[in-house]
């Protein structure tokens, strides 16, 4: 499953001239000095007001700033988002982190996250099963993960990322299988 990003444009709100002066009581609007003084704060306030009006976009990975993407990645537990990585790839990784948060420890969650990080297909073979209350014993096995590359991460960083996602009682095996394009 490839994580798609819907591109949205960040709106740039425009405020009509006099939006703050219009808040003055009627009698004060006739005072030229007070109107000019209030206009100074109106111009300063446009920046603050635009920031407040755009707050809903701050946590949206499709439109937020690159610095905020890195912050969001860290907040979601992913400390290795490279600022040199293309902005579209950064957005895909952060979107995948958010989307897979509820899927942590599952095959699907691991697949979506690794496809976003490595920017390629991922195959996962795991010994999943459902165990009833009456069935004793431990669930053991090996989760085998095949990726084409480690993406923007070093192999060790990718191993650490996978280890954080795979249930602790399972062993893991990370295999790098070059794609047909890489072999040519």
N, C-alpha and C. Protein backbone atom coordinates (compact mmCIF):
# COMPACT_ATOMS: atom_id res chain seq x y z
N UNK A 1 0.85 -1.17 0.00
CA UNK A 1 0.00 0.00 0.00
C UNK A 1 0.89 1.23 0.00
N UNK A 2 0.74 2.05 -0.98
CA UNK A 2 1.54 3.25 -1.09
C UNK A 2 0.78 4.41 -0.46
N UNK A 3 1.44 5.18 0.36
CA UNK A 3 0.80 6.29 1.04
C UNK A 3 0.78 7.48 0.10
N UNK A 4 -0.39 7.89 -0.31
CA UNK A 4 -0.52 9.04 -1.20
C UNK A 4 -0.72 10.31 -0.40
N UNK A 5 -0.27 11.39 -0.95
CA UNK A 5 -0.43 12.68 -0.31
C UNK A 5 -1.26 13.57 -1.23
N UNK A 6 -2.34 14.07 -0.71
CA UNK A 6 -3.17 15.00 -1.46
C UNK A 6 -2.61 16.39 -1.22
N UNK A 7 -2.15 17.04 -2.27
CA UNK A 7 -1.57 18.36 -2.13
C UNK A 7 -2.68 19.40 -1.94
N UNK A 8 -2.53 20.22 -0.94
CA UNK A 8 -3.47 21.31 -0.71
C UNK A 8 -2.69 22.60 -0.64
N UNK A 9 -3.32 23.65 -1.07
CA UNK A 9 -2.68 24.95 -0.98
C UNK A 9 -3.07 25.61 0.33
N UNK A 10 -2.10 26.23 0.95
CA UNK A 10 -2.37 26.94 2.19
C UNK A 10 -3.03 28.28 1.83
N UNK A 11 -4.20 28.54 2.38
CA UNK A 11 -4.86 29.80 2.06
C UNK A 11 -4.11 30.97 2.68
N UNK A 12 -4.08 32.05 1.97
CA UNK A 12 -3.48 33.27 2.51
C UNK A 12 -4.62 34.25 2.74
N UNK A 13 -5.06 34.36 3.98
CA UNK A 13 -6.21 35.22 4.26
C UNK A 13 -5.86 36.68 4.02
N UNK A 14 -6.82 37.38 3.46
CA UNK A 14 -6.64 38.82 3.26
C UNK A 14 -7.69 39.52 4.11
N UNK A 15 -7.27 40.55 4.79
CA UNK A 15 -8.16 41.27 5.67
C UNK A 15 -8.41 42.65 5.06
N UNK A 16 -9.64 43.08 5.05
CA UNK A 16 -9.93 44.39 4.45
C UNK A 16 -9.28 45.51 5.25
N UNK A 17 -8.85 46.55 4.58
CA UNK A 17 -8.28 47.69 5.31
C UNK A 17 -9.31 48.23 6.30
N UNK A 18 -8.85 48.53 7.47
CA UNK A 18 -9.72 49.09 8.48
C UNK A 18 -10.43 48.07 9.34
N UNK A 19 -10.01 46.82 9.28
CA UNK A 19 -10.69 45.79 10.08
C UNK A 19 -10.55 46.05 11.58
N UNK A 20 -9.42 46.61 11.99
CA UNK A 20 -9.25 46.91 13.41
C UNK A 20 -9.82 48.28 13.75
N UNK A 21 -9.64 49.25 12.86
CA UNK A 21 -10.20 50.58 13.08
C UNK A 21 -11.71 50.49 13.18
N UNK A 22 -12.31 49.57 12.43
CA UNK A 22 -13.76 49.39 12.48
C UNK A 22 -14.25 48.90 13.82
N UNK A 23 -13.36 48.41 14.67
CA UNK A 23 -13.74 47.94 16.01
C UNK A 23 -13.83 49.09 17.01
N UNK A 24 -13.31 50.26 16.62
CA UNK A 24 -13.36 51.41 17.53
C UNK A 24 -14.79 51.91 17.68
N UNK A 25 -15.13 52.44 18.85
CA UNK A 25 -16.45 53.07 18.99
C UNK A 25 -16.58 54.23 17.99
N UNK A 26 -17.81 54.50 17.56
CA UNK A 26 -18.07 55.48 16.50
C UNK A 26 -17.43 56.84 16.81
N UNK A 27 -17.53 57.30 18.01
CA UNK A 27 -16.99 58.61 18.36
C UNK A 27 -15.48 58.68 18.22
N UNK A 28 -14.77 57.57 18.43
CA UNK A 28 -13.31 57.56 18.35
C UNK A 28 -12.81 57.49 16.90
N UNK A 29 -13.64 57.06 15.98
CA UNK A 29 -13.22 56.96 14.57
C UNK A 29 -13.02 58.33 13.94
N UNK A 30 -13.52 59.37 14.57
CA UNK A 30 -13.36 60.73 14.03
C UNK A 30 -12.02 61.34 14.44
N UNK A 31 -11.33 60.74 15.39
CA UNK A 31 -10.03 61.25 15.85
C UNK A 31 -8.94 60.72 14.93
N UNK A 32 -8.37 61.61 14.10
CA UNK A 32 -7.37 61.22 13.10
C UNK A 32 -6.15 60.56 13.73
N UNK A 33 -5.66 61.09 14.84
CA UNK A 33 -4.49 60.52 15.50
C UNK A 33 -4.77 59.09 15.98
N UNK A 34 -5.91 58.89 16.60
CA UNK A 34 -6.26 57.57 17.10
C UNK A 34 -6.43 56.56 15.95
N UNK A 35 -7.01 57.00 14.85
CA UNK A 35 -7.19 56.11 13.69
C UNK A 35 -5.83 55.72 13.13
N UNK A 36 -4.91 56.70 12.96
CA UNK A 36 -3.57 56.37 12.44
C UNK A 36 -2.81 55.47 13.41
N UNK A 37 -2.95 55.72 14.70
CA UNK A 37 -2.29 54.89 15.71
C UNK A 37 -2.84 53.46 15.67
N UNK A 38 -4.14 53.32 15.55
CA UNK A 38 -4.77 51.99 15.48
C UNK A 38 -4.37 51.27 14.20
N UNK A 39 -4.17 52.02 13.12
CA UNK A 39 -3.76 51.43 11.84
C UNK A 39 -2.39 50.76 11.96
N UNK A 40 -1.51 51.31 12.79
CA UNK A 40 -0.20 50.69 13.02
C UNK A 40 -0.41 49.29 13.61
N UNK A 41 -1.26 49.18 14.61
CA UNK A 41 -1.52 47.88 15.23
C UNK A 41 -2.29 46.95 14.29
N UNK A 42 -3.08 47.55 13.42
CA UNK A 42 -3.80 46.75 12.43
C UNK A 42 -2.81 46.03 11.51
N UNK A 43 -1.80 46.76 11.06
CA UNK A 43 -0.80 46.16 10.17
C UNK A 43 0.01 45.09 10.90
N UNK A 44 0.37 45.35 12.14
CA UNK A 44 1.09 44.34 12.93
C UNK A 44 0.19 43.14 13.21
N UNK A 45 -1.05 43.41 13.47
CA UNK A 45 -1.99 42.35 13.82
C UNK A 45 -2.33 41.42 12.67
N UNK A 46 -2.17 41.88 11.43
CA UNK A 46 -2.47 41.02 10.28
C UNK A 46 -1.62 39.76 10.30
N UNK A 47 -0.34 39.91 10.65
CA UNK A 47 0.55 38.75 10.71
C UNK A 47 0.10 37.78 11.79
N UNK A 48 -0.21 38.30 12.97
CA UNK A 48 -0.67 37.44 14.06
C UNK A 48 -2.00 36.79 13.73
N UNK A 49 -2.89 37.56 13.13
CA UNK A 49 -4.21 37.03 12.78
C UNK A 49 -4.09 35.94 11.71
N UNK A 50 -3.22 36.16 10.73
CA UNK A 50 -3.03 35.15 9.68
C UNK A 50 -2.46 33.87 10.28
N UNK A 51 -1.54 34.01 11.24
CA UNK A 51 -0.99 32.82 11.91
C UNK A 51 -2.06 32.07 12.68
N UNK A 52 -2.92 32.80 13.36
CA UNK A 52 -3.99 32.15 14.11
C UNK A 52 -5.01 31.52 13.18
N UNK A 53 -5.32 32.18 12.07
CA UNK A 53 -6.28 31.63 11.12
C UNK A 53 -5.74 30.39 10.42
N UNK A 54 -4.42 30.27 10.31
CA UNK A 54 -3.82 29.13 9.63
C UNK A 54 -3.38 28.02 10.55
N UNK A 55 -3.76 28.08 11.83
CA UNK A 55 -3.28 27.09 12.80
C UNK A 55 -3.72 25.68 12.44
N UNK A 56 -4.87 25.54 11.80
CA UNK A 56 -5.35 24.20 11.45
C UNK A 56 -4.42 23.51 10.45
N UNK A 57 -3.63 24.29 9.72
CA UNK A 57 -2.73 23.71 8.73
C UNK A 57 -1.36 23.36 9.31
N UNK A 58 -1.09 23.77 10.54
CA UNK A 58 0.23 23.53 11.13
C UNK A 58 0.52 22.05 11.31
N UNK A 59 -0.49 21.25 11.62
CA UNK A 59 -0.28 19.82 11.84
C UNK A 59 -0.71 18.98 10.65
N UNK A 60 -0.94 19.59 9.51
CA UNK A 60 -1.32 18.86 8.31
C UNK A 60 -0.06 18.62 7.48
N UNK A 61 0.39 17.37 7.36
CA UNK A 61 1.66 17.12 6.67
C UNK A 61 1.65 17.49 5.19
N UNK A 62 0.48 17.70 4.59
CA UNK A 62 0.45 18.05 3.17
C UNK A 62 0.78 19.51 2.92
N UNK A 63 0.67 20.37 3.93
CA UNK A 63 0.90 21.80 3.71
C UNK A 63 1.80 22.47 4.74
N UNK A 64 2.18 21.78 5.79
CA UNK A 64 2.95 22.43 6.85
C UNK A 64 4.38 22.73 6.39
N UNK A 65 5.09 23.47 7.19
CA UNK A 65 6.46 23.87 6.86
C UNK A 65 7.42 22.69 7.06
N UNK A 66 8.57 22.71 6.39
CA UNK A 66 9.56 21.64 6.58
C UNK A 66 10.01 21.49 8.03
N UNK A 67 10.20 22.58 8.74
CA UNK A 67 10.60 22.49 10.15
C UNK A 67 9.52 21.80 10.99
N UNK A 68 8.28 22.10 10.69
CA UNK A 68 7.18 21.47 11.43
C UNK A 68 7.09 19.99 11.09
N UNK A 69 7.41 19.61 9.85
CA UNK A 69 7.42 18.19 9.48
C UNK A 69 8.41 17.41 10.34
N UNK A 70 9.60 17.97 10.51
CA UNK A 70 10.62 17.31 11.33
C UNK A 70 10.14 17.22 12.78
N UNK A 71 9.54 18.29 13.28
CA UNK A 71 9.01 18.28 14.65
C UNK A 71 7.92 17.22 14.79
N UNK A 72 7.01 17.15 13.82
CA UNK A 72 5.93 16.16 13.88
C UNK A 72 6.49 14.74 13.83
N UNK A 73 7.52 14.53 13.00
CA UNK A 73 8.15 13.22 12.94
C UNK A 73 8.73 12.81 14.28
N UNK A 74 9.40 13.74 14.94
CA UNK A 74 9.95 13.46 16.28
C UNK A 74 8.84 13.21 17.29
N UNK A 75 7.79 13.98 17.21
CA UNK A 75 6.68 13.84 18.14
C UNK A 75 6.03 12.47 17.98
N UNK A 76 6.02 11.95 16.75
CA UNK A 76 5.45 10.63 16.49
C UNK A 76 6.46 9.51 16.71
N UNK A 77 7.66 9.85 17.20
CA UNK A 77 8.64 8.83 17.55
C UNK A 77 9.61 8.48 16.45
N UNK A 78 9.73 9.31 15.44
CA UNK A 78 10.62 9.05 14.31
C UNK A 78 11.67 10.15 14.28
N UNK A 79 12.84 9.85 14.83
CA UNK A 79 13.86 10.89 15.02
C UNK A 79 14.84 11.04 13.86
N UNK A 80 14.65 10.31 12.79
CA UNK A 80 15.67 10.32 11.74
C UNK A 80 15.15 10.87 10.41
N UNK A 81 14.23 11.82 10.46
CA UNK A 81 13.75 12.45 9.23
C UNK A 81 14.80 13.45 8.78
N UNK A 82 15.43 13.17 7.66
CA UNK A 82 16.54 13.96 7.15
C UNK A 82 16.03 15.24 6.50
N UNK A 83 16.48 16.41 6.97
CA UNK A 83 16.06 17.67 6.35
C UNK A 83 16.49 17.78 4.88
N UNK A 84 17.52 17.03 4.49
CA UNK A 84 17.99 17.06 3.10
C UNK A 84 17.12 16.22 2.17
N UNK A 85 16.26 15.41 2.75
CA UNK A 85 15.35 14.56 1.98
C UNK A 85 14.34 15.45 1.26
N UNK A 86 13.91 15.05 0.08
CA UNK A 86 12.92 15.83 -0.66
C UNK A 86 11.67 16.09 0.18
N UNK A 87 11.09 17.26 0.01
CA UNK A 87 9.95 17.64 0.84
C UNK A 87 8.76 16.71 0.63
N UNK A 88 8.54 16.24 -0.60
CA UNK A 88 7.43 15.31 -0.85
C UNK A 88 7.64 13.99 -0.11
N UNK A 89 8.89 13.52 -0.09
CA UNK A 89 9.19 12.27 0.62
C UNK A 89 9.01 12.48 2.13
N UNK A 90 9.44 13.62 2.65
CA UNK A 90 9.24 13.91 4.07
C UNK A 90 7.75 13.90 4.41
N UNK A 91 6.95 14.50 3.54
CA UNK A 91 5.50 14.55 3.78
C UNK A 91 4.90 13.15 3.77
N UNK A 92 5.36 12.28 2.85
CA UNK A 92 4.85 10.90 2.81
C UNK A 92 5.21 10.14 4.08
N UNK A 93 6.44 10.34 4.57
CA UNK A 93 6.88 9.63 5.78
C UNK A 93 6.05 10.08 6.99
N UNK A 94 5.87 11.38 7.16
CA UNK A 94 5.11 11.88 8.32
C UNK A 94 3.64 11.46 8.21
N UNK A 95 3.08 11.50 7.00
CA UNK A 95 1.69 11.06 6.83
C UNK A 95 1.56 9.57 7.17
N UNK A 96 2.55 8.78 6.76
CA UNK A 96 2.51 7.34 7.08
C UNK A 96 2.64 7.11 8.58
N UNK A 97 3.47 7.91 9.24
CA UNK A 97 3.61 7.78 10.70
C UNK A 97 2.27 8.01 11.39
N UNK A 98 1.58 9.06 10.98
CA UNK A 98 0.29 9.35 11.58
C UNK A 98 -0.74 8.29 11.27
N UNK A 99 -0.74 7.83 10.03
CA UNK A 99 -1.73 6.84 9.59
C UNK A 99 -1.51 5.48 10.26
N UNK A 100 -0.26 5.15 10.54
CA UNK A 100 0.04 3.82 11.09
C UNK A 100 0.13 3.79 12.61
N UNK A 101 -0.08 4.90 13.25
CA UNK A 101 0.03 4.94 14.71
C UNK A 101 -0.91 3.93 15.36
N UNK A 102 -2.13 3.83 14.87
CA UNK A 102 -3.09 2.88 15.44
C UNK A 102 -2.82 1.45 14.98
N UNK A 103 -1.95 1.28 13.99
CA UNK A 103 -1.63 -0.05 13.45
C UNK A 103 -0.29 -0.56 13.95
N UNK A 104 0.28 0.08 14.96
CA UNK A 104 1.60 -0.34 15.46
C UNK A 104 1.58 -1.79 15.88
N UNK A 105 2.63 -2.51 15.49
CA UNK A 105 2.74 -3.92 15.85
C UNK A 105 2.03 -4.84 14.89
N UNK A 106 1.42 -4.28 13.83
CA UNK A 106 0.73 -5.12 12.85
C UNK A 106 1.53 -5.15 11.55
N UNK A 107 1.26 -6.17 10.76
CA UNK A 107 1.94 -6.30 9.47
C UNK A 107 1.61 -5.12 8.56
N UNK A 108 0.34 -4.75 8.52
CA UNK A 108 -0.07 -3.64 7.64
C UNK A 108 0.59 -2.33 8.06
N UNK A 109 0.64 -2.05 9.35
CA UNK A 109 1.28 -0.83 9.83
C UNK A 109 2.75 -0.79 9.47
N UNK A 110 3.44 -1.90 9.64
CA UNK A 110 4.86 -1.97 9.30
C UNK A 110 5.06 -1.79 7.81
N UNK A 111 4.22 -2.42 7.00
CA UNK A 111 4.35 -2.32 5.54
C UNK A 111 4.17 -0.87 5.06
N UNK A 112 3.12 -0.22 5.52
CA UNK A 112 2.85 1.16 5.10
C UNK A 112 4.00 2.08 5.50
N UNK A 113 4.49 1.93 6.72
CA UNK A 113 5.58 2.78 7.20
C UNK A 113 6.86 2.53 6.40
N UNK A 114 7.22 1.27 6.20
CA UNK A 114 8.46 0.97 5.47
C UNK A 114 8.38 1.36 4.00
N UNK A 115 7.21 1.25 3.39
CA UNK A 115 7.08 1.69 2.00
C UNK A 115 7.29 3.19 1.89
N UNK A 116 6.83 3.95 2.87
CA UNK A 116 7.04 5.39 2.85
C UNK A 116 8.51 5.74 3.11
N UNK A 117 9.14 5.04 4.05
CA UNK A 117 10.53 5.34 4.40
C UNK A 117 11.49 4.93 3.29
N UNK A 118 11.31 3.71 2.75
CA UNK A 118 12.24 3.20 1.74
C UNK A 118 11.87 3.64 0.33
N UNK A 119 10.67 4.19 0.18
CA UNK A 119 10.20 4.65 -1.13
C UNK A 119 10.15 3.51 -2.13
N UNK A 120 9.76 2.34 -1.67
CA UNK A 120 9.69 1.17 -2.53
C UNK A 120 8.83 0.08 -1.93
N UNK A 121 8.68 -1.02 -2.67
CA UNK A 121 7.84 -2.12 -2.17
C UNK A 121 8.49 -2.86 -1.00
N UNK A 122 7.65 -3.42 -0.15
CA UNK A 122 8.10 -4.16 1.03
C UNK A 122 7.31 -5.46 1.10
N UNK A 123 8.01 -6.56 1.37
CA UNK A 123 7.33 -7.83 1.59
C UNK A 123 7.59 -8.27 3.03
N UNK A 124 6.53 -8.70 3.69
CA UNK A 124 6.64 -9.12 5.09
C UNK A 124 6.04 -10.51 5.24
N UNK A 125 6.83 -11.40 5.82
CA UNK A 125 6.36 -12.75 6.13
C UNK A 125 6.44 -12.90 7.64
N UNK A 126 5.29 -13.13 8.26
CA UNK A 126 5.27 -13.21 9.72
C UNK A 126 4.43 -14.39 10.17
N UNK A 127 4.74 -14.93 11.36
CA UNK A 127 4.06 -16.13 11.85
C UNK A 127 2.77 -15.83 12.61
N UNK A 128 1.97 -14.92 12.12
CA UNK A 128 0.78 -14.50 12.84
C UNK A 128 -0.23 -15.61 13.03
N UNK A 129 -0.87 -15.61 14.19
CA UNK A 129 -1.94 -16.56 14.46
C UNK A 129 -2.78 -16.03 15.61
N UNK A 130 -3.95 -16.58 15.73
CA UNK A 130 -4.85 -16.22 16.81
C UNK A 130 -4.83 -17.34 17.83
N UNK A 131 -4.65 -17.00 19.10
CA UNK A 131 -4.56 -17.99 20.16
C UNK A 131 -5.72 -17.78 21.12
N UNK A 132 -6.44 -18.86 21.40
CA UNK A 132 -7.54 -18.80 22.35
C UNK A 132 -7.04 -18.91 23.78
N UNK A 133 -7.93 -18.67 24.73
CA UNK A 133 -7.57 -18.74 26.15
C UNK A 133 -7.13 -20.13 26.57
N UNK A 134 -7.71 -21.15 25.95
CA UNK A 134 -7.41 -22.52 26.36
C UNK A 134 -6.12 -23.06 25.75
N UNK A 135 -5.55 -22.34 24.82
CA UNK A 135 -4.32 -22.82 24.18
C UNK A 135 -3.10 -22.29 24.93
N UNK A 136 -2.35 -23.15 25.59
CA UNK A 136 -1.16 -22.68 26.30
C UNK A 136 0.01 -22.53 25.31
N UNK A 137 1.05 -21.97 25.80
CA UNK A 137 2.27 -21.89 25.01
C UNK A 137 2.59 -20.46 24.60
N UNK A 138 3.82 -20.33 24.19
CA UNK A 138 4.30 -19.02 23.76
C UNK A 138 4.18 -18.89 22.25
N UNK A 139 3.98 -17.69 21.82
CA UNK A 139 3.98 -17.42 20.39
C UNK A 139 5.40 -16.97 20.05
N UNK A 140 6.04 -17.73 19.21
CA UNK A 140 7.40 -17.38 18.80
C UNK A 140 7.47 -17.43 17.29
N UNK A 141 8.51 -16.91 16.76
CA UNK A 141 8.68 -16.95 15.32
C UNK A 141 9.60 -15.85 14.85
N UNK A 142 9.73 -15.79 13.55
CA UNK A 142 10.60 -14.81 12.92
C UNK A 142 9.78 -13.99 11.93
N UNK A 143 9.88 -12.70 12.03
CA UNK A 143 9.28 -11.81 11.06
C UNK A 143 10.36 -11.51 10.02
N UNK A 144 10.09 -11.88 8.76
CA UNK A 144 11.06 -11.67 7.68
C UNK A 144 10.57 -10.51 6.82
N UNK A 145 11.41 -9.50 6.68
CA UNK A 145 11.05 -8.29 5.96
C UNK A 145 12.02 -8.10 4.80
N UNK A 146 11.48 -7.98 3.60
CA UNK A 146 12.30 -7.74 2.41
C UNK A 146 12.06 -6.32 1.91
N UNK A 147 13.15 -5.59 1.76
CA UNK A 147 13.08 -4.23 1.22
C UNK A 147 14.12 -4.09 0.11
N UNK A 148 13.89 -3.15 -0.79
CA UNK A 148 14.85 -2.91 -1.87
C UNK A 148 16.05 -2.11 -1.41
N UNK A 149 15.83 -1.20 -0.47
CA UNK A 149 16.93 -0.39 0.05
C UNK A 149 16.52 0.13 1.42
N UNK A 150 17.44 0.82 2.06
CA UNK A 150 17.12 1.40 3.36
C UNK A 150 16.60 2.83 3.22
N UNK A 151 16.37 3.25 1.98
CA UNK A 151 15.86 4.60 1.75
C UNK A 151 16.88 5.64 2.18
N UNK A 152 16.44 6.65 2.89
CA UNK A 152 17.35 7.71 3.34
C UNK A 152 18.05 7.35 4.65
N UNK A 153 17.73 6.19 5.20
CA UNK A 153 18.33 5.77 6.47
C UNK A 153 19.56 4.90 6.26
N UNK A 154 20.41 4.87 7.27
CA UNK A 154 21.47 3.87 7.28
C UNK A 154 20.82 2.55 7.66
N UNK A 155 21.48 1.44 7.33
CA UNK A 155 20.89 0.13 7.62
C UNK A 155 20.58 -0.03 9.10
N UNK A 156 21.46 0.46 9.94
CA UNK A 156 21.26 0.34 11.40
C UNK A 156 20.02 1.11 11.84
N UNK A 157 19.82 2.30 11.28
CA UNK A 157 18.65 3.10 11.63
C UNK A 157 17.36 2.41 11.19
N UNK A 158 17.40 1.78 10.02
CA UNK A 158 16.23 1.04 9.54
C UNK A 158 15.95 -0.16 10.45
N UNK A 159 17.01 -0.85 10.86
CA UNK A 159 16.85 -1.99 11.79
C UNK A 159 16.20 -1.52 13.10
N UNK A 160 16.67 -0.40 13.62
CA UNK A 160 16.10 0.13 14.87
C UNK A 160 14.63 0.50 14.70
N UNK A 161 14.30 1.09 13.55
CA UNK A 161 12.92 1.45 13.27
C UNK A 161 12.03 0.20 13.23
N UNK A 162 12.50 -0.83 12.53
CA UNK A 162 11.73 -2.08 12.43
C UNK A 162 11.61 -2.73 13.80
N UNK A 163 12.69 -2.73 14.56
CA UNK A 163 12.66 -3.34 15.89
C UNK A 163 11.63 -2.65 16.79
N UNK A 164 11.46 -1.34 16.63
CA UNK A 164 10.45 -0.62 17.41
C UNK A 164 9.03 -1.02 17.02
N UNK A 165 8.84 -1.46 15.79
CA UNK A 165 7.51 -1.77 15.29
C UNK A 165 7.12 -3.24 15.45
N UNK A 166 8.10 -4.14 15.44
CA UNK A 166 7.82 -5.58 15.53
C UNK A 166 7.59 -5.95 16.99
N UNK A 167 6.56 -6.77 17.28
CA UNK A 167 6.34 -7.18 18.67
C UNK A 167 7.61 -7.77 19.30
N UNK A 168 7.82 -7.46 20.56
CA UNK A 168 9.08 -7.79 21.25
C UNK A 168 9.36 -9.28 21.33
N UNK A 169 8.34 -10.13 21.37
CA UNK A 169 8.57 -11.56 21.53
C UNK A 169 8.94 -12.26 20.22
N UNK A 170 8.95 -11.54 19.13
CA UNK A 170 9.30 -12.12 17.83
C UNK A 170 10.70 -11.71 17.42
N UNK A 171 11.39 -12.60 16.74
CA UNK A 171 12.68 -12.27 16.16
C UNK A 171 12.41 -11.63 14.81
N UNK A 172 13.39 -10.91 14.30
CA UNK A 172 13.19 -10.30 12.99
C UNK A 172 14.40 -10.50 12.11
N UNK A 173 14.14 -10.52 10.83
CA UNK A 173 15.19 -10.68 9.84
C UNK A 173 14.90 -9.65 8.75
N UNK A 174 15.83 -8.74 8.55
CA UNK A 174 15.68 -7.70 7.53
C UNK A 174 16.58 -8.05 6.35
N UNK A 175 15.97 -8.23 5.17
CA UNK A 175 16.69 -8.67 3.98
C UNK A 175 16.60 -7.57 2.92
N UNK A 176 17.75 -7.22 2.37
CA UNK A 176 17.79 -6.23 1.30
C UNK A 176 17.85 -6.95 -0.03
N UNK A 177 16.81 -6.80 -0.84
CA UNK A 177 16.73 -7.44 -2.15
C UNK A 177 16.65 -6.32 -3.18
N UNK A 178 17.71 -6.16 -3.99
CA UNK A 178 17.68 -5.07 -4.98
C UNK A 178 16.55 -5.27 -5.98
N UNK A 179 15.93 -4.17 -6.38
CA UNK A 179 14.87 -4.23 -7.38
C UNK A 179 15.48 -4.40 -8.76
N UNK A 180 14.66 -4.70 -9.75
CA UNK A 180 15.15 -4.90 -11.12
C UNK A 180 15.84 -3.64 -11.65
N UNK A 181 15.33 -2.47 -11.30
CA UNK A 181 15.93 -1.21 -11.76
C UNK A 181 17.32 -1.02 -11.15
N UNK A 182 17.51 -1.44 -9.90
CA UNK A 182 18.81 -1.28 -9.24
C UNK A 182 19.83 -2.26 -9.78
N UNK A 183 19.38 -3.45 -10.23
CA UNK A 183 20.31 -4.45 -10.75
C UNK A 183 20.83 -4.06 -12.13
N UNK A 184 20.04 -3.32 -12.89
CA UNK A 184 20.42 -2.95 -14.27
C UNK A 184 21.46 -1.87 -14.31
